[in-house]
Amino acid sequence: MEGQPDIKIDGVTAFALPLATSYRYAIELKSSKMSIWMEDRISKKQWCSTYKYKGGMAKTDYVSDANVIPDATVADYVKVQ
């Protein structure tokens, strides 16, 4: 398993235009496992990846042969550009 520093990124996003619902989000990398949390900014409904992936997602949970980024670390998948 890759030794990666713990990272937490949070912000606000929307997935469609115009007048799309916006969401608060947090993406966290802890002990080389990623978790994602989102909250609808109006309804306050929440979704969290840790309900399905107890302890966070391993790289194999979100990377496949079809979408792999060559030589990317788990931290590279967490970074927001």
Protein backbone atom coordinates (compact mmCIF):
# COMPACT_ATOMS: atom_id res chain seq x y z
CA MET A 1 0.00 0.00 0.00
CA GLU A 2 1.28 3.46 -0.87
CA GLY A 3 2.34 5.68 2.02
CA GLN A 4 0.52 8.96 1.39
CA PRO A 5 0.05 12.04 3.58
CA ASP A 6 -3.48 12.61 4.87
CA ILE A 7 -5.34 15.19 2.75
CA LYS A 8 -8.74 16.89 3.16
CA ILE A 9 -10.25 19.08 0.44
CA ASP A 10 -13.64 20.77 0.69
CA GLY A 11 -15.65 23.18 -1.38
CA VAL A 12 -18.87 23.78 -3.32
CA THR A 13 -19.83 22.36 -6.71
CA ALA A 14 -22.77 21.88 -9.12
CA PHE A 15 -23.15 19.27 -11.83
CA ALA A 16 -25.35 20.98 -14.45
CA LEU A 17 -26.32 24.44 -15.68
CA PRO A 18 -28.34 26.63 -15.37
CA LEU A 19 -29.77 26.86 -11.86
CA ALA A 20 -28.37 23.49 -10.85
CA THR A 21 -28.50 22.28 -7.30
CA SER A 22 -25.22 23.05 -5.60
CA TYR A 23 -23.48 20.81 -3.11
CA ARG A 24 -20.93 21.18 -0.36
CA TYR A 25 -18.33 18.44 -0.56
CA ALA A 26 -15.35 17.03 1.26
CA ILE A 27 -12.86 14.57 -0.20
CA GLU A 28 -10.53 13.02 2.33
CA LEU A 29 -7.52 10.75 1.98
CA LYS A 30 -6.56 9.02 5.21
CA SER A 31 -4.19 6.06 5.45
CA SER A 32 -4.28 5.77 1.62
CA LYS A 33 -8.10 5.35 1.66
CA MET A 34 -10.42 7.94 0.07
CA SER A 35 -13.82 9.04 1.35
CA ILE A 36 -16.29 11.45 -0.26
CA TRP A 37 -19.05 13.41 1.50
CA MET A 38 -21.65 15.65 -0.20
CA GLU A 39 -24.55 17.77 1.08
CA ASP A 40 -27.31 19.47 -0.94
CA ARG A 41 -26.99 23.12 0.10
CA ILE A 42 -30.76 23.65 0.17
CA SER A 43 -32.33 20.39 1.39
CA LYS A 44 -29.30 19.46 3.54
CA LYS A 45 -29.60 15.83 2.35
CA GLN A 46 -26.24 14.09 2.61
CA TRP A 47 -24.39 11.29 0.86
CA CYS A 48 -21.18 9.67 2.08
CA SER A 49 -19.02 6.98 0.49
CA THR A 50 -18.22 5.48 3.88
CA TYR A 51 -21.71 3.96 4.17
CA LYS A 52 -20.74 1.44 1.48
CA TYR A 53 -16.96 1.46 1.93
CA LYS A 54 -16.33 1.20 5.67
CA GLY A 55 -12.98 2.77 6.43
CA GLY A 56 -12.76 4.47 3.03
CA MET A 57 -12.24 3.37 -0.57
CA ALA A 58 -9.08 1.60 -1.68
CA LYS A 59 -7.64 2.70 -5.04
CA THR A 60 -9.12 -0.43 -6.68
CA ASP A 61 -12.62 0.77 -5.66
CA TYR A 62 -12.44 3.84 -7.95
CA VAL A 63 -9.72 2.98 -10.51
CA SER A 64 -10.01 0.33 -13.21
CA ASP A 65 -7.96 -0.60 -16.27
CA ALA A 66 -10.33 1.62 -18.30
CA ASN A 67 -9.79 4.83 -16.29
CA VAL A 68 -6.34 4.48 -14.72
CA ILE A 69 -3.96 7.45 -14.88
CA PRO A 70 -0.46 6.01 -15.48
CA ASP A 71 1.91 6.49 -12.52
CA ALA A 72 -0.76 8.35 -10.47
CA THR A 73 -0.70 8.03 -6.70
CA VAL A 74 -3.84 7.88 -4.59
CA ALA A 75 -3.21 11.55 -3.70
CA ASP A 76 -3.30 12.45 -7.41
CA TYR A 77 -6.91 11.21 -7.59
CA VAL A 78 -7.92 13.40 -4.64
CA LYS A 79 -6.49 16.68 -5.98
CA VAL A 80 -9.01 19.22 -7.28
CA GLN A 81 -7.86 21.20 -10.30
